[in-house]
Amino acid sequence: MMNRRGFVLSLTTGLVALVLVVGSVLAEELVGTIIKVDADAKLIVVVPKDSDKEIKIKVTDKTEEVNKKGTRKVDLEKLEKALEKAKDGGAEGIHAKITYEDGVASKIERIRKKASR
């Protein structure tokens, strides 16, 4: 009886691990610069680090913003203001790592440049 239970437990654990690995592989990561935020259309435009092609990514209510303090829902109006502030400071946009699938962002993580000493 214990052998069958152990086998079923091992099989179930393996399947759960496989689903988690496959689910994380399906999502793509994009490292680049956010150059435009459209809060009304819930859309951001990103230029990848290794290309000049603009990519439009939709933002939903489930999209999270990751920072040092943890995660929270993305506030596109705040992101739009931060982008304006960055552009006023001479930057081309906000550097970020965006996790997305089928053109819809699930996670946005700003990449802060380290201050040079």
PDB file of N, CA and C in Angstrom:
ATOM      1  N   MET A   1       0.823  -1.196   0.000  1.00  0.00           N
ATOM      2  CA  MET A   1       0.000   0.000   0.000  1.00  0.00           C
ATOM      3  C   MET A   1       0.871   1.267   0.000  1.00  0.00           C
ATOM      4  N   MET A   2       1.931   1.274   0.786  1.00  0.00           N
ATOM      5  CA  MET A   2       2.793   2.444   0.848  1.00  0.00           C
ATOM      6  C   MET A   2       3.532   2.661  -0.468  1.00  0.00           C
ATOM      7  N   ASN A   3       3.870   1.601  -1.163  1.00  0.00           N
ATOM      8  CA  ASN A   3       4.572   1.748  -2.437  1.00  0.00           C
ATOM      9  C   ASN A   3       3.695   2.436  -3.457  1.00  0.00           C
ATOM     10  N   ARG A   4       2.425   2.070  -3.533  1.00  0.00           N
ATOM     11  CA  ARG A   4       1.509   2.691  -4.481  1.00  0.00           C
ATOM     12  C   ARG A   4       1.281   4.155  -4.108  1.00  0.00           C
ATOM     13  N   ARG A   5       1.113   4.411  -2.828  1.00  0.00           N
ATOM     14  CA  ARG A   5       0.909   5.793  -2.370  1.00  0.00           C
ATOM     15  C   ARG A   5       2.136   6.642  -2.669  1.00  0.00           C
ATOM     16  N   GLY A   6       3.308   6.113  -2.438  1.00  0.00           N
ATOM     17  CA  GLY A   6       4.544   6.836  -2.736  1.00  0.00           C
ATOM     18  C   GLY A   6       4.694   7.110  -4.219  1.00  0.00           C
ATOM     19  N   PHE A   7       4.313   6.136  -5.049  1.00  0.00           N
ATOM     20  CA  PHE A   7       4.385   6.313  -6.500  1.00  0.00           C
ATOM     21  C   PHE A   7       3.431   7.415  -6.960  1.00  0.00           C
ATOM     22  N   VAL A   8       2.197   7.380  -6.457  1.00  0.00           N
ATOM     23  CA  VAL A   8       1.201   8.390  -6.838  1.00  0.00           C
ATOM     24  C   VAL A   8       1.645   9.770  -6.370  1.00  0.00           C
ATOM     25  N   LEU A   9       2.189   9.859  -5.173  1.00  0.00           N
ATOM     26  CA  LEU A   9       2.677  11.132  -4.653  1.00  0.00           C
ATOM     27  C   LEU A   9       3.828  11.657  -5.509  1.00  0.00           C
ATOM     28  N   SER A  10       4.747  10.787  -5.878  1.00  0.00           N
ATOM     29  CA  SER A  10       5.872  11.202  -6.726  1.00  0.00           C
ATOM     30  C   SER A  10       5.398  11.650  -8.101  1.00  0.00           C
ATOM     31  N   LEU A  11       4.457  10.929  -8.664  1.00  0.00           N
ATOM     32  CA  LEU A  11       3.917  11.271  -9.973  1.00  0.00           C
ATOM     33  C   LEU A  11       3.197  12.618  -9.933  1.00  0.00           C
ATOM     34  N   THR A  12       2.405  12.836  -8.908  1.00  0.00           N
ATOM     35  CA  THR A  12       1.678  14.099  -8.761  1.00  0.00           C
ATOM     36  C   THR A  12       2.643  15.268  -8.583  1.00  0.00           C
ATOM     37  N   THR A  13       3.648  15.095  -7.767  1.00  0.00           N
ATOM     38  CA  THR A  13       4.639  16.140  -7.539  1.00  0.00           C
ATOM     39  C   THR A  13       5.377  16.472  -8.836  1.00  0.00           C
ATOM     40  N   GLY A  14       5.722  15.460  -9.589  1.00  0.00           N
ATOM     41  CA  GLY A  14       6.400  15.675 -10.863  1.00  0.00           C
ATOM     42  C   GLY A  14       5.541  16.435 -11.857  1.00  0.00           C
ATOM     43  N   LEU A  15       4.253  16.101 -11.929  1.00  0.00           N
ATOM     44  CA  LEU A  15       3.350  16.799 -12.838  1.00  0.00           C
ATOM     45  C   LEU A  15       3.170  18.260 -12.445  1.00  0.00           C
ATOM     46  N   VAL A  16       3.043  18.533 -11.156  1.00  0.00           N
ATOM     47  CA  VAL A  16       2.906  19.917 -10.689  1.00  0.00           C
ATOM     48  C   VAL A  16       4.159  20.713 -11.040  1.00  0.00           C
ATOM     49  N   ALA A  17       5.321  20.134 -10.828  1.00  0.00           N
ATOM     50  CA  ALA A  17       6.574  20.808 -11.165  1.00  0.00           C
ATOM     51  C   ALA A  17       6.658  21.066 -12.668  1.00  0.00           C
ATOM     52  N   LEU A  18       6.231  20.121 -13.474  1.00  0.00           N
ATOM     53  CA  LEU A  18       6.257  20.285 -14.923  1.00  0.00           C
ATOM     54  C   LEU A  18       5.339  21.421 -15.360  1.00  0.00           C
ATOM     55  N   VAL A  19       4.155  21.505 -14.779  1.00  0.00           N
ATOM     56  CA  VAL A  19       3.221  22.578 -15.119  1.00  0.00           C
ATOM     57  C   VAL A  19       3.807  23.936 -14.750  1.00  0.00           C
ATOM     58  N   LEU A  20       4.440  24.040 -13.593  1.00  0.00           N
ATOM     59  CA  LEU A  20       5.049  25.312 -13.187  1.00  0.00           C
ATOM     60  C   LEU A  20       6.184  25.718 -14.115  1.00  0.00           C
ATOM     61  N   VAL A  21       6.995  24.780 -14.524  1.00  0.00           N
ATOM     62  CA  VAL A  21       8.117  25.081 -15.414  1.00  0.00           C
ATOM     63  C   VAL A  21       7.610  25.496 -16.787  1.00  0.00           C
ATOM     64  N   VAL A  22       6.655  24.770 -17.326  1.00  0.00           N
ATOM     65  CA  VAL A  22       6.120  25.094 -18.646  1.00  0.00           C
ATOM     66  C   VAL A  22       5.413  26.441 -18.615  1.00  0.00           C
ATOM     67  N   GLY A  23       4.671  26.731 -17.550  1.00  0.00           N
ATOM     68  CA  GLY A  23       3.976  28.016 -17.432  1.00  0.00           C
ATOM     69  C   GLY A  23       4.925  29.185 -17.400  1.00  0.00           C
ATOM     70  N   SER A  24       6.043  29.042 -16.731  1.00  0.00           N
ATOM     71  CA  SER A  24       6.997  30.141 -16.662  1.00  0.00           C
ATOM     72  C   SER A  24       7.776  30.304 -17.968  1.00  0.00           C
ATOM     73  N   VAL A  25       7.910  29.249 -18.746  1.00  0.00           N
ATOM     74  CA  VAL A  25       8.629  29.326 -20.011  1.00  0.00           C
ATOM     75  C   VAL A  25       7.791  30.037 -21.072  1.00  0.00           C
ATOM     76  N   LEU A  26       6.476  29.916 -21.001  1.00  0.00           N
ATOM     77  CA  LEU A  26       5.604  30.514 -22.005  1.00  0.00           C
ATOM     78  C   LEU A  26       5.642  32.039 -21.966  1.00  0.00           C
ATOM     79  N   ALA A  27       5.813  32.605 -20.787  1.00  0.00           N
ATOM     80  CA  ALA A  27       5.887  34.057 -20.673  1.00  0.00           C
ATOM     81  C   ALA A  27       7.253  34.540 -21.166  1.00  0.00           C
ATOM     82  N   GLU A  28       7.247  35.672 -21.862  1.00  0.00           N
ATOM     83  CA  GLU A  28       8.488  36.235 -22.390  1.00  0.00           C
ATOM     84  C   GLU A  28       8.934  37.397 -21.518  1.00  0.00           C
ATOM     85  N   GLU A  29      10.227  37.619 -21.474  1.00  0.00           N
ATOM     86  CA  GLU A  29      10.777  38.772 -20.765  1.00  0.00           C
ATOM     87  C   GLU A  29      11.368  39.730 -21.788  1.00  0.00           C
ATOM     88  N   LEU A  30      11.098  40.988 -21.586  1.00  0.00           N
ATOM     89  CA  LEU A  30      11.579  42.029 -22.487  1.00  0.00           C
ATOM     90  C   LEU A  30      12.319  43.062 -21.646  1.00  0.00           C
ATOM     91  N   VAL A  31      13.579  43.263 -21.942  1.00  0.00           N
ATOM     92  CA  VAL A  31      14.366  44.299 -21.271  1.00  0.00           C
ATOM     93  C   VAL A  31      14.531  45.433 -22.261  1.00  0.00           C
ATOM     94  N   GLY A  32      14.083  46.609 -21.858  1.00  0.00           N
ATOM     95  CA  GLY A  32      14.157  47.740 -22.765  1.00  0.00           C
ATOM     96  C   GLY A  32      13.761  49.031 -22.088  1.00  0.00           C
ATOM     97  N   THR A  33      13.332  49.991 -22.896  1.00  0.00           N
ATOM     98  CA  THR A  33      12.994  51.323 -22.409  1.00  0.00           C
ATOM     99  C   THR A  33      11.539  51.629 -22.731  1.00  0.00           C
ATOM    100  N   ILE A  34      10.795  51.990 -21.699  1.00  0.00           N
ATOM    101  CA  ILE A  34       9.412  52.426 -21.899  1.00  0.00           C
ATOM    102  C   ILE A  34       9.484  53.858 -22.409  1.00  0.00           C
ATOM    103  N   ILE A  35       8.973  54.076 -23.633  1.00  0.00           N
ATOM    104  CA  ILE A  35       9.070  55.410 -24.229  1.00  0.00           C
ATOM    105  C   ILE A  35       7.724  56.125 -24.295  1.00  0.00           C
ATOM    106  N   LYS A  36       6.638  55.369 -24.078  1.00  0.00           N
ATOM    107  CA  LYS A  36       5.317  55.985 -24.130  1.00  0.00           C
ATOM    108  C   LYS A  36       4.362  55.210 -23.236  1.00  0.00           C
ATOM    109  N   VAL A  37       3.512  55.951 -22.515  1.00  0.00           N
ATOM    110  CA  VAL A  37       2.475  55.359 -21.682  1.00  0.00           C
ATOM    111  C   VAL A  37       1.157  56.006 -22.059  1.00  0.00           C
ATOM    112  N   ASP A  38       0.177  55.203 -22.423  1.00  0.00           N
ATOM    113  CA  ASP A  38      -1.168  55.688 -22.735  1.00  0.00           C
ATOM    114  C   ASP A  38      -2.113  55.106 -21.694  1.00  0.00           C
ATOM    115  N   ALA A  39      -2.407  55.909 -20.667  1.00  0.00           N
ATOM    116  CA  ALA A  39      -3.237  55.441 -19.556  1.00  0.00           C
ATOM    117  C   ALA A  39      -4.666  55.165 -20.012  1.00  0.00           C
ATOM    118  N   ASP A  40      -5.186  55.946 -20.951  1.00  0.00           N
ATOM    119  CA  ASP A  40      -6.558  55.754 -21.413  1.00  0.00           C
ATOM    120  C   ASP A  40      -6.719  54.431 -22.164  1.00  0.00           C
ATOM    121  N   ALA A  41      -5.755  54.097 -23.006  1.00  0.00           N
ATOM    122  CA  ALA A  41      -5.810  52.861 -23.784  1.00  0.00           C
ATOM    123  C   ALA A  41      -5.194  51.680 -23.035  1.00  0.00           C
ATOM    124  N   LYS A  42      -4.638  51.932 -21.832  1.00  0.00           N
ATOM    125  CA  LYS A  42      -3.944  50.914 -21.039  1.00  0.00           C
ATOM    126  C   LYS A  42      -2.878  50.222 -21.884  1.00  0.00           C
ATOM    127  N   LEU A  43      -1.958  51.046 -22.388  1.00  0.00           N
ATOM    128  CA  LEU A  43      -0.943  50.575 -23.317  1.00  0.00           C
ATOM    129  C   LEU A  43       0.397  51.234 -22.996  1.00  0.00           C
ATOM    130  N   ILE A  44       1.477  50.455 -23.103  1.00  0.00           N
ATOM    131  CA  ILE A  44       2.819  51.020 -23.007  1.00  0.00           C
ATOM    132  C   ILE A  44       3.571  50.655 -24.280  1.00  0.00           C
ATOM    133  N   VAL A  45       4.486  51.520 -24.672  1.00  0.00           N
ATOM    134  CA  VAL A  45       5.320  51.268 -25.852  1.00  0.00           C
ATOM    135  C   VAL A  45       6.752  51.123 -25.356  1.00  0.00           C
ATOM    136  N   VAL A  46       7.365  50.012 -25.738  1.00  0.00           N
ATOM    137  CA  VAL A  46       8.711  49.683 -25.263  1.00  0.00           C
ATOM    138  C   VAL A  46       9.634  49.472 -26.449  1.00  0.00           C
ATOM    139  N   VAL A  47      10.861  49.996 -26.329  1.00  0.00           N
ATOM    140  CA  VAL A  47      11.909  49.730 -27.312  1.00  0.00           C
ATOM    141  C   VAL A  47      12.885  48.755 -26.657  1.00  0.00           C
ATOM    142  N   PRO A  48      13.018  47.543 -27.223  1.00  0.00           N
ATOM    143  CA  PRO A  48      13.942  46.561 -26.643  1.00  0.00           C
ATOM    144  C   PRO A  48      15.379  47.068 -26.620  1.00  0.00           C
ATOM    145  N   LYS A  49      16.141  46.543 -25.684  1.00  0.00           N
ATOM    146  CA  LYS A  49      17.533  46.956 -25.506  1.00  0.00           C
ATOM    147  C   LYS A  49      18.377  46.689 -26.754  1.00  0.00           C
ATOM    148  N   ASP A  50      18.087  45.601 -27.461  1.00  0.00           N
ATOM    149  CA  ASP A  50      18.910  45.205 -28.605  1.00  0.00           C
ATOM    150  C   ASP A  50      18.275  45.526 -29.954  1.00  0.00           C
ATOM    151  N   SER A  51      17.280  46.426 -29.982  1.00  0.00           N
ATOM    152  CA  SER A  51      16.586  46.727 -31.232  1.00  0.00           C
ATOM    153  C   SER A  51      16.049  48.156 -31.195  1.00  0.00           C
ATOM    154  N   ASP A  52      15.643  48.653 -32.354  1.00  0.00           N
ATOM    155  CA  ASP A  52      15.005  49.965 -32.428  1.00  0.00           C
ATOM    156  C   ASP A  52      13.512  49.837 -32.702  1.00  0.00           C
ATOM    157  N   LYS A  53      13.027  48.610 -32.782  1.00  0.00           N
ATOM    158  CA  LYS A  53      11.629  48.352 -33.086  1.00  0.00           C
ATOM    159  C   LYS A  53      10.767  48.616 -31.847  1.00  0.00           C
ATOM    160  N   GLU A  54       9.673  49.350 -32.014  1.00  0.00           N
ATOM    161  CA  GLU A  54       8.767  49.635 -30.900  1.00  0.00           C
ATOM    162  C   GLU A  54       7.785  48.481 -30.729  1.00  0.00           C
ATOM    163  N   ILE A  55       7.575  48.080 -29.487  1.00  0.00           N
ATOM    164  CA  ILE A  55       6.640  47.002 -29.180  1.00  0.00           C
ATOM    165  C   ILE A  55       5.541  47.564 -28.284  1.00  0.00           C
ATOM    166  N   LYS A  56       4.292  47.369 -28.696  1.00  0.00           N
ATOM    167  CA  LYS A  56       3.152  47.822 -27.898  1.00  0.00           C
ATOM    168  C   LYS A  56       2.692  46.676 -27.012  1.00  0.00           C
ATOM    169  N   ILE A  57       2.556  46.974 -25.721  1.00  0.00           N
ATOM    170  CA  ILE A  57       2.148  45.961 -24.752  1.00  0.00           C
ATOM    171  C   ILE A  57       0.965  46.500 -23.959  1.00  0.00           C
ATOM    172  N   LYS A  58      -0.073  45.683 -23.860  1.00  0.00           N
ATOM    173  CA  LYS A  58      -1.261  46.070 -23.098  1.00  0.00           C
ATOM    174  C   LYS A  58      -1.025  45.830 -21.624  1.00  0.00           C
ATOM    175  N   VAL A  59      -1.651  46.670 -20.809  1.00  0.00           N
ATOM    176  CA  VAL A  59      -1.575  46.543 -19.360  1.00  0.00           C
ATOM    177  C   VAL A  59      -2.992  46.297 -18.860  1.00  0.00           C
ATOM    178  N   THR A  60      -3.155  45.297 -17.996  1.00  0.00           N
ATOM    179  CA  THR A  60      -4.473  44.977 -17.459  1.00  0.00           C
ATOM    180  C   THR A  60      -4.515  45.278 -15.961  1.00  0.00           C
ATOM    181  N   ASP A  61      -5.654  45.011 -15.360  1.00  0.00           N
ATOM    182  CA  ASP A  61      -5.788  45.202 -13.912  1.00  0.00           C
ATOM    183  C   ASP A  61      -4.959  44.183 -13.133  1.00  0.00           C
ATOM    184  N   LYS A  62      -4.575  43.099 -13.786  1.00  0.00           N
ATOM    185  CA  LYS A  62      -3.772  42.059 -13.134  1.00  0.00           C
ATOM    186  C   LYS A  62      -2.270  42.319 -13.242  1.00  0.00           C
ATOM    187  N   THR A  63      -1.871  43.291 -14.042  1.00  0.00           N
ATOM    188  CA  THR A  63      -0.450  43.595 -14.218  1.00  0.00           C
ATOM    189  C   THR A  63       0.120  44.161 -12.917  1.00  0.00           C
ATOM    190  N   GLU A  64       1.271  43.622 -12.509  1.00  0.00           N
ATOM    191  CA  GLU A  64       1.914  44.050 -11.264  1.00  0.00           C
ATOM    192  C   GLU A  64       3.187  44.823 -11.552  1.00  0.00           C
ATOM    193  N   GLU A  65       3.477  45.762 -10.657  1.00  0.00           N
ATOM    194  CA  GLU A  65       4.738  46.496 -10.715  1.00  0.00           C
ATOM    195  C   GLU A  65       5.595  46.013  -9.554  1.00  0.00           C
ATOM    196  N   VAL A  66       6.816  45.638  -9.862  1.00  0.00           N
ATOM    197  CA  VAL A  66       7.728  45.104  -8.847  1.00  0.00           C
ATOM    198  C   VAL A  66       8.738  46.180  -8.477  1.00  0.00           C
ATOM    199  N   ASN A  67       8.932  46.381  -7.169  1.00  0.00           N
ATOM    200  CA  ASN A  67       9.965  47.300  -6.693  1.00  0.00           C
ATOM    201  C   ASN A  67      10.597  46.716  -5.438  1.00  0.00           C
ATOM    202  N   LYS A  68      11.460  47.489  -4.791  1.00  0.00           N
ATOM    203  CA  LYS A  68      12.166  46.999  -3.599  1.00  0.00           C
ATOM    204  C   LYS A  68      11.216  46.608  -2.474  1.00  0.00           C
ATOM    205  N   LYS A  69      10.102  47.305  -2.376  1.00  0.00           N
ATOM    206  CA  LYS A  69       9.153  47.074  -1.284  1.00  0.00           C
ATOM    207  C   LYS A  69       8.247  45.873  -1.525  1.00  0.00           C
ATOM    208  N   GLY A  70       8.180  45.399  -2.766  1.00  0.00           N
ATOM    209  CA  GLY A  70       7.317  44.265  -3.081  1.00  0.00           C
ATOM    210  C   GLY A  70       6.602  44.493  -4.400  1.00  0.00           C
ATOM    211  N   THR A  71       5.402  43.945  -4.506  1.00  0.00           N
ATOM    212  CA  THR A  71       4.625  44.101  -5.732  1.00  0.00           C
ATOM    213  C   THR A  71       3.323  44.832  -5.434  1.00  0.00           C
ATOM    214  N   ARG A  72       2.829  45.519  -6.463  1.00  0.00           N
ATOM    215  CA  ARG A  72       1.549  46.212  -6.368  1.00  0.00           C
ATOM    216  C   ARG A  72       0.972  46.334  -7.770  1.00  0.00           C
ATOM    217  N   LYS A  73      -0.281  46.705  -7.854  1.00  0.00           N
ATOM    218  CA  LYS A  73      -0.924  46.896  -9.148  1.00  0.00           C
ATOM    219  C   LYS A  73      -0.306  48.108  -9.842  1.00  0.00           C
ATOM    220  N   VAL A  74      -0.188  48.043 -11.155  1.00  0.00           N
ATOM    221  CA  VAL A  74       0.407  49.138 -11.918  1.00  0.00           C
ATOM    222  C   VAL A  74      -0.564  50.315 -11.964  1.00  0.00           C
ATOM    223  N   ASP A  75      -0.049  51.495 -11.631  1.00  0.00           N
ATOM    224  CA  ASP A  75      -0.810  52.733 -11.765  1.00  0.00           C
ATOM    225  C   ASP A  75      -0.248  53.455 -12.984  1.00  0.00           C
ATOM    226  N   LEU A  76      -0.984  53.385 -14.092  1.00  0.00           N
ATOM    227  CA  LEU A  76      -0.472  53.945 -15.348  1.00  0.00           C
ATOM    228  C   LEU A  76      -0.317  55.456 -15.293  1.00  0.00           C
ATOM    229  N   GLU A  77      -1.144  56.132 -14.514  1.00  0.00           N
ATOM    230  CA  GLU A  77      -1.003  57.592 -14.405  1.00  0.00           C
ATOM    231  C   GLU A  77       0.310  57.953 -13.714  1.00  0.00           C
ATOM    232  N   LYS A  78       0.668  57.212 -12.666  1.00  0.00           N
ATOM    233  CA  LYS A  78       1.959  57.453 -11.993  1.00  0.00           C
ATOM    234  C   LYS A  78       3.114  57.104 -12.918  1.00  0.00           C
ATOM    235  N   LEU A  79       2.957  56.018 -13.667  1.00  0.00           N
ATOM    236  CA  LEU A  79       4.008  55.615 -14.599  1.00  0.00           C
ATOM    237  C   LEU A  79       4.180  56.665 -15.692  1.00  0.00           C
ATOM    238  N   GLU A  80       3.071  57.242 -16.142  1.00  0.00           N
ATOM    239  CA  GLU A  80       3.116  58.289 -17.165  1.00  0.00           C
ATOM    240  C   GLU A  80       3.835  59.532 -16.630  1.00  0.00           C
ATOM    241  N   LYS A  81       3.548  59.906 -15.381  1.00  0.00           N
ATOM    242  CA  LYS A  81       4.220  61.057 -14.773  1.00  0.00           C
ATOM    243  C   LYS A  81       5.707  60.782 -14.576  1.00  0.00           C
ATOM    244  N   ALA A  82       6.049  59.554 -14.171  1.00  0.00           N
ATOM    245  CA  ALA A  82       7.459  59.189 -13.992  1.00  0.00           C
ATOM    246  C   ALA A  82       8.196  59.233 -15.334  1.00  0.00           C
ATOM    247  N   LEU A  83       7.502  58.841 -16.404  1.00  0.00           N
ATOM    248  CA  LEU A  83       8.108  58.892 -17.734  1.00  0.00           C
ATOM    249  C   LEU A  83       8.359  60.334 -18.160  1.00  0.00           C
ATOM    250  N   GLU A  84       7.400  61.208 -17.914  1.00  0.00           N
ATOM    251  CA  GLU A  84       7.585  62.629 -18.240  1.00  0.00           C
ATOM    252  C   GLU A  84       8.757  63.213 -17.460  1.00  0.00           C
ATOM    253  N   LYS A  85       8.850  62.842 -16.180  1.00  0.00           N
ATOM    254  CA  LYS A  85       9.935  63.341 -15.337  1.00  0.00           C
ATOM    255  C   LYS A  85      11.293  62.837 -15.853  1.00  0.00           C
ATOM    256  N   ALA A  86      11.335  61.576 -16.257  1.00  0.00           N
ATOM    257  CA  ALA A  86      12.581  61.012 -16.782  1.00  0.00           C
ATOM    258  C   ALA A  86      12.985  61.707 -18.080  1.00  0.00           C
ATOM    259  N   LYS A  87      12.006  61.959 -18.947  1.00  0.00           N
ATOM    260  CA  LYS A  87      12.304  62.636 -20.213  1.00  0.00           C
ATOM    261  C   LYS A  87      12.730  64.084 -19.980  1.00  0.00           C
ATOM    262  N   ASP A  88      12.122  64.740 -18.987  1.00  0.00           N
ATOM    263  CA  ASP A  88      12.538  66.101 -18.644  1.00  0.00           C
ATOM    264  C   ASP A  88      13.978  66.122 -18.125  1.00  0.00           C
ATOM    265  N   GLY A  89      14.393  65.034 -17.495  1.00  0.00           N
ATOM    266  CA  GLY A  89      15.753  64.916 -16.972  1.00  0.00           C
ATOM    267  C   GLY A  89      16.764  64.516 -18.034  1.00  0.00           C
ATOM    268  N   GLY A  90      16.325  64.343 -19.266  1.00  0.00           N
ATOM    269  CA  GLY A  90      17.250  64.032 -20.343  1.00  0.00           C
ATOM    270  C   GLY A  90      17.306  62.566 -20.732  1.00  0.00           C
ATOM    271  N   ALA A  91      16.545  61.712 -20.060  1.00  0.00           N
ATOM    272  CA  ALA A  91      16.551  60.285 -20.403  1.00  0.00           C
ATOM    273  C   ALA A  91      15.619  60.034 -21.584  1.00  0.00           C
ATOM    274  N   GLU A  92      15.845  58.918 -22.256  1.00  0.00           N
ATOM    275  CA  GLU A  92      14.976  58.572 -23.382  1.00  0.00           C
ATOM    276  C   GLU A  92      13.690  57.900 -22.917  1.00  0.00           C
ATOM    277  N   GLY A  93      13.674  57.453 -21.670  1.00  0.00           N
ATOM    278  CA  GLY A  93      12.497  56.807 -21.108  1.00  0.00           C
ATOM    279  C   GLY A  93      12.837  56.117 -19.807  1.00  0.00           C
ATOM    280  N   ILE A  94      12.013  55.147 -19.426  1.00  0.00           N
ATOM    281  CA  ILE A  94      12.212  54.390 -18.193  1.00  0.00           C
ATOM    282  C   ILE A  94      12.710  53.000 -18.569  1.00  0.00           C
ATOM    283  N   HIS A  95      13.874  52.626 -18.047  1.00  0.00           N
ATOM    284  CA  HIS A  95      14.416  51.298 -18.295  1.00  0.00           C
ATOM    285  C   HIS A  95      13.648  50.293 -17.434  1.00  0.00           C
ATOM    286  N   ALA A  96      13.209  49.194 -18.068  1.00  0.00           N
ATOM    287  CA  ALA A  96      12.382  48.230 -17.353  1.00  0.00           C
ATOM    288  C   ALA A  96      12.548  46.833 -17.927  1.00  0.00           C
ATOM    289  N   LYS A  97      12.186  45.856 -17.097  1.00  0.00           N
ATOM    290  CA  LYS A  97      12.097  44.467 -17.525  1.00  0.00           C
ATOM    291  C   LYS A  97      10.624  44.098 -17.442  1.00  0.00           C
ATOM    292  N   ILE A  98      10.029  43.728 -18.573  1.00  0.00           N
ATOM    293  CA  ILE A  98       8.607  43.458 -18.647  1.00  0.00           C
ATOM    294  C   ILE A  98       8.396  41.986 -18.975  1.00  0.00           C
ATOM    295  N   THR A  99       7.597  41.326 -18.146  1.00  0.00           N
ATOM    296  CA  THR A  99       7.199  39.952 -18.407  1.00  0.00           C
ATOM    297  C   THR A  99       5.828  40.005 -19.051  1.00  0.00           C
ATOM    298  N   TYR A 100       5.700  39.378 -20.231  1.00  0.00           N
ATOM    299  CA  TYR A 100       4.429  39.451 -20.944  1.00  0.00           C
ATOM    300  C   TYR A 100       4.161  38.167 -21.711  1.00  0.00           C
ATOM    301  N   GLU A 101       2.890  37.990 -22.058  1.00  0.00           N
ATOM    302  CA  GLU A 101       2.470  36.847 -22.849  1.00  0.00           C
ATOM    303  C   GLU A 101       1.338  37.292 -23.758  1.00  0.00           C
ATOM    304  N   ASP A 102       1.444  36.997 -25.023  1.00  0.00           N
ATOM    305  CA  ASP A 102       0.443  37.383 -26.029  1.00  0.00           C
ATOM    306  C   ASP A 102       0.186  38.884 -26.042  1.00  0.00           C
ATOM    307  N   GLY A 103       1.241  39.672 -25.847  1.00  0.00           N
ATOM    308  CA  GLY A 103       1.114  41.127 -25.907  1.00  0.00           C
ATOM    309  C   GLY A 103       0.498  41.763 -24.680  1.00  0.00           C
ATOM    310  N   VAL A 104       0.301  40.997 -23.597  1.00  0.00           N
ATOM    311  CA  VAL A 104      -0.285  41.515 -22.366  1.00  0.00           C
ATOM    312  C   VAL A 104       0.736  41.362 -21.239  1.00  0.00           C
ATOM    313  N   ALA A 105       1.047  42.473 -20.578  1.00  0.00           N
ATOM    314  CA  ALA A 105       2.054  42.466 -19.504  1.00  0.00           C
ATOM    315  C   ALA A 105       1.489  41.828 -18.246  1.00  0.00           C
ATOM    316  N   SER A 106       2.307  41.016 -17.591  1.00  0.00           N
ATOM    317  CA  SER A 106       1.933  40.469 -16.294  1.00  0.00           C
ATOM    318  C   SER A 106       2.750  41.108 -15.183  1.00  0.00           C
ATOM    319  N   LYS A 107       3.963  41.559 -15.529  1.00  0.00           N
ATOM    320  CA  LYS A 107       4.838  42.144 -14.514  1.00  0.00           C
ATOM    321  C   LYS A 107       5.731  43.193 -15.153  1.00  0.00           C
ATOM    322  N   ILE A 108       5.888  44.337 -14.474  1.00  0.00           N
ATOM    323  CA  ILE A 108       6.789  45.400 -14.915  1.00  0.00           C
ATOM    324  C   ILE A 108       7.745  45.698 -13.765  1.00  0.00           C
ATOM    325  N   GLU A 109       9.022  45.610 -14.049  1.00  0.00           N
ATOM    326  CA  GLU A 109      10.044  45.886 -13.037  1.00  0.00           C
ATOM    327  C   GLU A 109      10.983  46.953 -13.577  1.00  0.00           C
ATOM    328  N   ARG A 110      11.006  48.100 -12.909  1.00  0.00           N
ATOM    329  CA  ARG A 110      11.900  49.179 -13.344  1.00  0.00           C
ATOM    330  C   ARG A 110      13.337  48.801 -13.027  1.00  0.00           C
ATOM    331  N   ILE A 111      14.212  49.134 -13.954  1.00  0.00           N
ATOM    332  CA  ILE A 111      15.649  48.863 -13.757  1.00  0.00           C
ATOM    333  C   ILE A 111      16.304  50.195 -13.440  1.00  0.00           C
ATOM    334  N   ARG A 112      16.795  50.305 -12.250  1.00  0.00           N
ATOM    335  CA  ARG A 112      17.461  51.538 -11.826  1.00  0.00           C
ATOM    336  C   ARG A 112      18.943  51.426 -12.176  1.00  0.00           C
ATOM    337  N   LYS A 113      19.452  52.470 -12.780  1.00  0.00           N
ATOM    338  CA  LYS A 113      20.884  52.504 -13.088  1.00  0.00           C
ATOM    339  C   LYS A 113      21.640  52.812 -11.810  1.00  0.00           C
ATOM    340  N   LYS A 114      22.723  52.105 -11.623  1.00  0.00           N
ATOM    341  CA  LYS A 114      23.551  52.335 -10.435  1.00  0.00           C
ATOM    342  C   LYS A 114      24.283  53.662 -10.569  1.00  0.00           C
ATOM    343  N   ALA A 115      24.310  54.388  -9.486  1.00  0.00           N
ATOM    344  CA  ALA A 115      24.990  55.687  -9.499  1.00  0.00           C
ATOM    345  C   ALA A 115      26.493  55.451  -9.589  1.00  0.00           C
ATOM    346  N   SER A 116      27.132  56.177 -10.486  1.00  0.00           N
ATOM    347  CA  SER A 116      28.573  56.063 -10.635  1.00  0.00           C
ATOM    348  C   SER A 116      29.256  56.925  -9.577  1.00  0.00           C
ATOM    349  N   ARG A 117      30.320  56.379  -9.045  1.00  0.00           N
ATOM    350  CA  ARG A 117      31.016  57.074  -7.949  1.00  0.00           C
ATOM    351  C   ARG A 117      32.191  57.832  -8.452  1.00  0.00           C
TER     352      ARG A 117
END
